[in-house]
Structures are given as C-alpha cells and as structure tokens.
Amino acid sequence: MAVTVSLVVLFGLVLFFLLRSHSLSPGAAFTAAGFGFFLTSTGAAEPINNLATAVIDAIPNL
C-alpha cells in the first residue's frame, strides 16, 4: 500500500511538471490518466504491481 501511494504521488508530480513545462498537452495527460485508470480494472494490474514491487525491492541490493 505504501509503495502504491508513493508511486501515485511520484507519477502525479511528473505529470504535473510535464504539463507545466508544456512537454505534454492536456489531452495527452487526460488520455494517460484514463489509460491508467482503466488498466487497474484489467487482469494486467496484478503483474504490473508485482513488477513494480520487485523493482523497488531490488533497488537497495544494487
């Protein structure tokens, strides 16, 4: 849970700064957010969460 919230905050900040620097249009940001929202309701959500957790757990061992 803590990792998920942290990643949501991180991706939210990245999205905010991309919008602010005009590197990303509001339409593209809306599409990306919608894709993420609908992706969570598919069967792909669990493997993606497992991959993110594995990467985060591996970082201290580098």
PDB file of N, CA and C in Angstrom:
ATOM      1  N   MET A   1       0.826  -1.199   0.000  1.00  0.00           N
ATOM      2  CA  MET A   1       0.000   0.000   0.000  1.00  0.00           C
ATOM      3  C   MET A   1       0.864   1.256   0.000  1.00  0.00           C
ATOM      4  N   ALA A   2       1.878   1.301   0.844  1.00  0.00           N
ATOM      5  CA  ALA A   2       2.737   2.485   0.924  1.00  0.00           C
ATOM      6  C   ALA A   2       3.479   2.706  -0.385  1.00  0.00           C
ATOM      7  N   VAL A   3       3.890   1.609  -1.035  1.00  0.00           N
ATOM      8  CA  VAL A   3       4.595   1.728  -2.304  1.00  0.00           C
ATOM      9  C   VAL A   3       3.652   2.267  -3.369  1.00  0.00           C
ATOM     10  N   THR A   4       2.419   1.798  -3.391  1.00  0.00           N
ATOM     11  CA  THR A   4       1.445   2.256  -4.379  1.00  0.00           C
ATOM     12  C   THR A   4       1.170   3.737  -4.226  1.00  0.00           C
ATOM     13  N   VAL A   5       0.972   4.186  -3.001  1.00  0.00           N
ATOM     14  CA  VAL A   5       0.705   5.603  -2.772  1.00  0.00           C
ATOM     15  C   VAL A   5       1.918   6.431  -3.177  1.00  0.00           C
ATOM     16  N   SER A   6       3.110   5.966  -2.868  1.00  0.00           N
ATOM     17  CA  SER A   6       4.315   6.696  -3.237  1.00  0.00           C
ATOM     18  C   SER A   6       4.457   6.802  -4.751  1.00  0.00           C
ATOM     19  N   LEU A   7       4.175   5.730  -5.458  1.00  0.00           N
ATOM     20  CA  LEU A   7       4.268   5.766  -6.913  1.00  0.00           C
ATOM     21  C   LEU A   7       3.203   6.664  -7.509  1.00  0.00           C
ATOM     22  N   VAL A   8       2.015   6.676  -6.913  1.00  0.00           N
ATOM     23  CA  VAL A   8       0.967   7.569  -7.408  1.00  0.00           C
ATOM     24  C   VAL A   8       1.395   9.022  -7.237  1.00  0.00           C
ATOM     25  N   VAL A   9       1.977   9.343  -6.101  1.00  0.00           N
ATOM     26  CA  VAL A   9       2.453  10.712  -5.864  1.00  0.00           C
ATOM     27  C   VAL A   9       3.591  11.048  -6.828  1.00  0.00           C
ATOM     28  N   LEU A  10       4.523  10.130  -7.017  1.00  0.00           N
ATOM     29  CA  LEU A  10       5.641  10.357  -7.929  1.00  0.00           C
ATOM     30  C   LEU A  10       5.157  10.587  -9.352  1.00  0.00           C
ATOM     31  N   PHE A  11       4.297   9.712  -9.847  1.00  0.00           N
ATOM     32  CA  PHE A  11       3.794   9.873 -11.206  1.00  0.00           C
ATOM     33  C   PHE A  11       2.921  11.121 -11.332  1.00  0.00           C
ATOM     34  N   GLY A  12       2.205  11.467 -10.287  1.00  0.00           N
ATOM     35  CA  GLY A  12       1.420  12.699 -10.305  1.00  0.00           C
ATOM     36  C   GLY A  12       2.303  13.927 -10.416  1.00  0.00           C
ATOM     37  N   LEU A  13       3.411  13.939  -9.687  1.00  0.00           N
ATOM     38  CA  LEU A  13       4.342  15.065  -9.771  1.00  0.00           C
ATOM     39  C   LEU A  13       4.993  15.158 -11.146  1.00  0.00           C
ATOM     40  N   VAL A  14       5.386  14.014 -11.683  1.00  0.00           N
ATOM     41  CA  VAL A  14       5.984  14.015 -13.027  1.00  0.00           C
ATOM     42  C   VAL A  14       4.984  14.543 -14.041  1.00  0.00           C
ATOM     43  N   LEU A  15       3.744  14.092 -13.948  1.00  0.00           N
ATOM     44  CA  LEU A  15       2.708  14.564 -14.857  1.00  0.00           C
ATOM     45  C   LEU A  15       2.480  16.063 -14.704  1.00  0.00           C
ATOM     46  N   PHE A  16       2.463  16.544 -13.465  1.00  0.00           N
ATOM     47  CA  PHE A  16       2.282  17.970 -13.214  1.00  0.00           C
ATOM     48  C   PHE A  16       3.399  18.789 -13.854  1.00  0.00           C
ATOM     49  N   PHE A  17       4.650  18.364 -13.680  1.00  0.00           N
ATOM     50  CA  PHE A  17       5.769  19.118 -14.235  1.00  0.00           C
ATOM     51  C   PHE A  17       5.830  19.032 -15.758  1.00  0.00           C
ATOM     52  N   LEU A  18       5.422  17.888 -16.325  1.00  0.00           N
ATOM     53  CA  LEU A  18       5.358  17.798 -17.784  1.00  0.00           C
ATOM     54  C   LEU A  18       4.294  18.735 -18.347  1.00  0.00           C
ATOM     55  N   LEU A  19       3.165  18.826 -17.670  1.00  0.00           N
ATOM     56  CA  LEU A  19       2.128  19.763 -18.108  1.00  0.00           C
ATOM     57  C   LEU A  19       2.590  21.202 -17.953  1.00  0.00           C
ATOM     58  N   ARG A  20       3.263  21.491 -16.854  1.00  0.00           N
ATOM     59  CA  ARG A  20       3.709  22.852 -16.592  1.00  0.00           C
ATOM     60  C   ARG A  20       4.776  23.312 -17.590  1.00  0.00           C
ATOM     61  N   SER A  21       5.647  22.391 -18.008  1.00  0.00           N
ATOM     62  CA  SER A  21       6.709  22.743 -18.955  1.00  0.00           C
ATOM     63  C   SER A  21       6.236  22.654 -20.405  1.00  0.00           C
ATOM     64  N   HIS A  22       4.979  22.366 -20.610  1.00  0.00           N
ATOM     65  CA  HIS A  22       4.383  22.243 -21.942  1.00  0.00           C
ATOM     66  C   HIS A  22       5.029  21.134 -22.766  1.00  0.00           C
ATOM     67  N   SER A  23       5.611  20.136 -22.093  1.00  0.00           N
ATOM     68  CA  SER A  23       6.150  18.971 -22.793  1.00  0.00           C
ATOM     69  C   SER A  23       5.040  17.971 -23.109  1.00  0.00           C
ATOM     70  N   LEU A  24       3.911  18.152 -22.457  1.00  0.00           N
ATOM     71  CA  LEU A  24       2.789  17.240 -22.622  1.00  0.00           C
ATOM     72  C   LEU A  24       1.525  18.080 -22.706  1.00  0.00           C
ATOM     73  N   SER A  25       0.694  17.765 -23.662  1.00  0.00           N
ATOM     74  CA  SER A  25      -0.545  18.528 -23.798  1.00  0.00           C
ATOM     75  C   SER A  25      -1.585  18.023 -22.798  1.00  0.00           C
ATOM     76  N   PRO A  26      -2.544  18.846 -22.430  1.00  0.00           N
ATOM     77  CA  PRO A  26      -3.597  18.400 -21.509  1.00  0.00           C
ATOM     78  C   PRO A  26      -4.371  17.195 -22.043  1.00  0.00           C
ATOM     79  N   GLY A  27      -4.581  17.127 -23.342  1.00  0.00           N
ATOM     80  CA  GLY A  27      -5.283  15.978 -23.918  1.00  0.00           C
ATOM     81  C   GLY A  27      -4.506  14.683 -23.738  1.00  0.00           C
ATOM     82  N   ALA A  28      -3.197  14.742 -23.950  1.00  0.00           N
ATOM     83  CA  ALA A  28      -2.363  13.558 -23.766  1.00  0.00           C
ATOM     84  C   ALA A  28      -2.317  13.150 -22.298  1.00  0.00           C
ATOM     85  N   ALA A  29      -2.285  14.127 -21.395  1.00  0.00           N
ATOM     86  CA  ALA A  29      -2.290  13.826 -19.964  1.00  0.00           C
ATOM     87  C   ALA A  29      -3.600  13.163 -19.567  1.00  0.00           C
ATOM     88  N   PHE A  30      -4.710  13.654 -20.092  1.00  0.00           N
ATOM     89  CA  PHE A  30      -6.011  13.063 -19.802  1.00  0.00           C
ATOM     90  C   PHE A  30      -6.082  11.635 -20.329  1.00  0.00           C
ATOM     91  N   THR A  31      -5.536  11.420 -21.519  1.00  0.00           N
ATOM     92  CA  THR A  31      -5.515  10.074 -22.096  1.00  0.00           C
ATOM     93  C   THR A  31      -4.667   9.134 -21.249  1.00  0.00           C
ATOM     94  N   ALA A  32      -3.500   9.587 -20.802  1.00  0.00           N
ATOM     95  CA  ALA A  32      -2.620   8.759 -19.970  1.00  0.00           C
ATOM     96  C   ALA A  32      -3.282   8.425 -18.638  1.00  0.00           C
ATOM     97  N   ALA A  33      -3.933   9.401 -18.023  1.00  0.00           N
ATOM     98  CA  ALA A  33      -4.616   9.163 -16.754  1.00  0.00           C
ATOM     99  C   ALA A  33      -5.785   8.200 -16.941  1.00  0.00           C
ATOM    100  N   GLY A  34      -6.528   8.366 -18.023  1.00  0.00           N
ATOM    101  CA  GLY A  34      -7.634   7.453 -18.300  1.00  0.00           C
ATOM    102  C   GLY A  34      -7.151   6.041 -18.563  1.00  0.00           C
ATOM    103  N   PHE A  35      -6.048   5.915 -19.298  1.00  0.00           N
ATOM    104  CA  PHE A  35      -5.470   4.600 -19.556  1.00  0.00           C
ATOM    105  C   PHE A  35      -5.074   3.923 -18.249  1.00  0.00           C
ATOM    106  N   GLY A  36      -4.427   4.658 -17.363  1.00  0.00           N
ATOM    107  CA  GLY A  36      -4.030   4.101 -16.069  1.00  0.00           C
ATOM    108  C   GLY A  36      -5.228   3.701 -15.240  1.00  0.00           C
ATOM    109  N   PHE A  37      -6.265   4.512 -15.274  1.00  0.00           N
ATOM    110  CA  PHE A  37      -7.475   4.217 -14.504  1.00  0.00           C
ATOM    111  C   PHE A  37      -8.119   2.919 -14.997  1.00  0.00           C
ATOM    112  N   PHE A  38      -8.271   2.781 -16.312  1.00  0.00           N
ATOM    113  CA  PHE A  38      -8.903   1.583 -16.843  1.00  0.00           C
ATOM    114  C   PHE A  38      -7.983   0.367 -16.802  1.00  0.00           C
ATOM    115  N   LEU A  39      -6.685   0.575 -16.806  1.00  0.00           N
ATOM    116  CA  LEU A  39      -5.738  -0.538 -16.714  1.00  0.00           C
ATOM    117  C   LEU A  39      -5.857  -1.236 -15.367  1.00  0.00           C
ATOM    118  N   THR A  40      -6.178  -0.487 -14.318  1.00  0.00           N
ATOM    119  CA  THR A  40      -6.285  -1.092 -12.992  1.00  0.00           C
ATOM    120  C   THR A  40      -7.439  -2.073 -12.883  1.00  0.00           C
ATOM    121  N   SER A  41      -8.408  -1.987 -13.765  1.00  0.00           N
ATOM    122  CA  SER A  41      -9.550  -2.893 -13.690  1.00  0.00           C
ATOM    123  C   SER A  41      -9.372  -4.118 -14.580  1.00  0.00           C
ATOM    124  N   THR A  42      -8.201  -4.283 -15.186  1.00  0.00           N
ATOM    125  CA  THR A  42      -7.953  -5.440 -16.043  1.00  0.00           C
ATOM    126  C   THR A  42      -7.088  -6.459 -15.316  1.00  0.00           C
ATOM    127  N   GLY A  43      -6.862  -7.567 -15.956  1.00  0.00           N
ATOM    128  CA  GLY A  43      -6.009  -8.608 -15.396  1.00  0.00           C
ATOM    129  C   GLY A  43      -4.540  -8.231 -15.395  1.00  0.00           C
ATOM    130  N   ALA A  44      -4.189  -7.163 -16.107  1.00  0.00           N
ATOM    131  CA  ALA A  44      -2.793  -6.737 -16.171  1.00  0.00           C
ATOM    132  C   ALA A  44      -2.357  -5.978 -14.926  1.00  0.00           C
ATOM    133  N   ALA A  45      -3.291  -5.590 -14.089  1.00  0.00           N
ATOM    134  CA  ALA A  45      -2.949  -4.773 -12.923  1.00  0.00           C
ATOM    135  C   ALA A  45      -2.053  -5.527 -11.937  1.00  0.00           C
ATOM    136  N   GLU A  46      -2.362  -6.796 -11.668  1.00  0.00           N
ATOM    137  CA  GLU A  46      -1.570  -7.546 -10.697  1.00  0.00           C
ATOM    138  C   GLU A  46      -0.134  -7.778 -11.162  1.00  0.00           C
ATOM    139  N   PRO A  47       0.113  -8.206 -12.413  1.00  0.00           N
ATOM    140  CA  PRO A  47       1.509  -8.355 -12.854  1.00  0.00           C
ATOM    141  C   PRO A  47       2.290  -7.042 -12.847  1.00  0.00           C
ATOM    142  N   ILE A  48       1.622  -5.945 -13.184  1.00  0.00           N
ATOM    143  CA  ILE A  48       2.299  -4.648 -13.162  1.00  0.00           C
ATOM    144  C   ILE A  48       2.676  -4.278 -11.738  1.00  0.00           C
ATOM    145  N   ASN A  49       1.768  -4.502 -10.782  1.00  0.00           N
ATOM    146  CA  ASN A  49       2.077  -4.232  -9.379  1.00  0.00           C
ATOM    147  C   ASN A  49       3.199  -5.127  -8.880  1.00  0.00           C
ATOM    148  N   ASN A  50       3.189  -6.403  -9.284  1.00  0.00           N
ATOM    149  CA  ASN A  50       4.262  -7.314  -8.877  1.00  0.00           C
ATOM    150  C   ASN A  50       5.607  -6.881  -9.452  1.00  0.00           C
ATOM    151  N   LEU A  51       5.618  -6.437 -10.700  1.00  0.00           N
ATOM    152  CA  LEU A  51       6.855  -5.957 -11.315  1.00  0.00           C
ATOM    153  C   LEU A  51       7.380  -4.714 -10.606  1.00  0.00           C
ATOM    154  N   ALA A  52       6.494  -3.766 -10.306  1.00  0.00           N
ATOM    155  CA  ALA A  52       6.913  -2.547  -9.608  1.00  0.00           C
ATOM    156  C   ALA A  52       7.464  -2.876  -8.230  1.00  0.00           C
ATOM    157  N   THR A  53       6.814  -3.791  -7.525  1.00  0.00           N
ATOM    158  CA  THR A  53       7.291  -4.191  -6.200  1.00  0.00           C
ATOM    159  C   THR A  53       8.649  -4.873  -6.290  1.00  0.00           C
ATOM    160  N   ALA A  54       8.839  -5.742  -7.288  1.00  0.00           N
ATOM    161  CA  ALA A  54      10.123  -6.426  -7.451  1.00  0.00           C
ATOM    162  C   ALA A  54      11.243  -5.441  -7.762  1.00  0.00           C
ATOM    163  N   VAL A  55      10.973  -4.461  -8.600  1.00  0.00           N
ATOM    164  CA  VAL A  55      11.995  -3.459  -8.934  1.00  0.00           C
ATOM    165  C   VAL A  55      12.339  -2.633  -7.699  1.00  0.00           C
ATOM    166  N   ILE A  56      11.333  -2.226  -6.952  1.00  0.00           N
ATOM    167  CA  ILE A  56      11.572  -1.412  -5.753  1.00  0.00           C
ATOM    168  C   ILE A  56      12.336  -2.214  -4.703  1.00  0.00           C
ATOM    169  N   ASP A  57      12.020  -3.511  -4.572  1.00  0.00           N
ATOM    170  CA  ASP A  57      12.738  -4.360  -3.617  1.00  0.00           C
ATOM    171  C   ASP A  57      14.174  -4.623  -4.060  1.00  0.00           C
ATOM    172  N   ALA A  58      14.438  -4.589  -5.365  1.00  0.00           N
ATOM    173  CA  ALA A  58      15.779  -4.871  -5.881  1.00  0.00           C
ATOM    174  C   ALA A  58      16.702  -3.660  -5.800  1.00  0.00           C
ATOM    175  N   ILE A  59      16.165  -2.466  -5.744  1.00  0.00           N
ATOM    176  CA  ILE A  59      16.995  -1.252  -5.752  1.00  0.00           C
ATOM    177  C   ILE A  59      18.005  -1.220  -4.597  1.00  0.00           C
ATOM    178  N   PRO A  60      17.615  -1.538  -3.356  1.00  0.00           N
ATOM    179  CA  PRO A  60      18.631  -1.498  -2.284  1.00  0.00           C
ATOM    180  C   PRO A  60      19.753  -2.529  -2.443  1.00  0.00           C
ATOM    181  N   ASN A  61      19.508  -3.574  -3.210  1.00  0.00           N
ATOM    182  CA  ASN A  61      20.518  -4.627  -3.384  1.00  0.00           C
ATOM    183  C   ASN A  61      21.501  -4.341  -4.503  1.00  0.00           C
ATOM    184  N   LEU A  62      21.372  -3.204  -5.168  1.00  0.00           N
ATOM    185  CA  LEU A  62      22.292  -2.895  -6.276  1.00  0.00           C
ATOM    186  C   LEU A  62      23.648  -2.524  -5.795  1.00  0.00           C
TER     187      LEU A  62
END
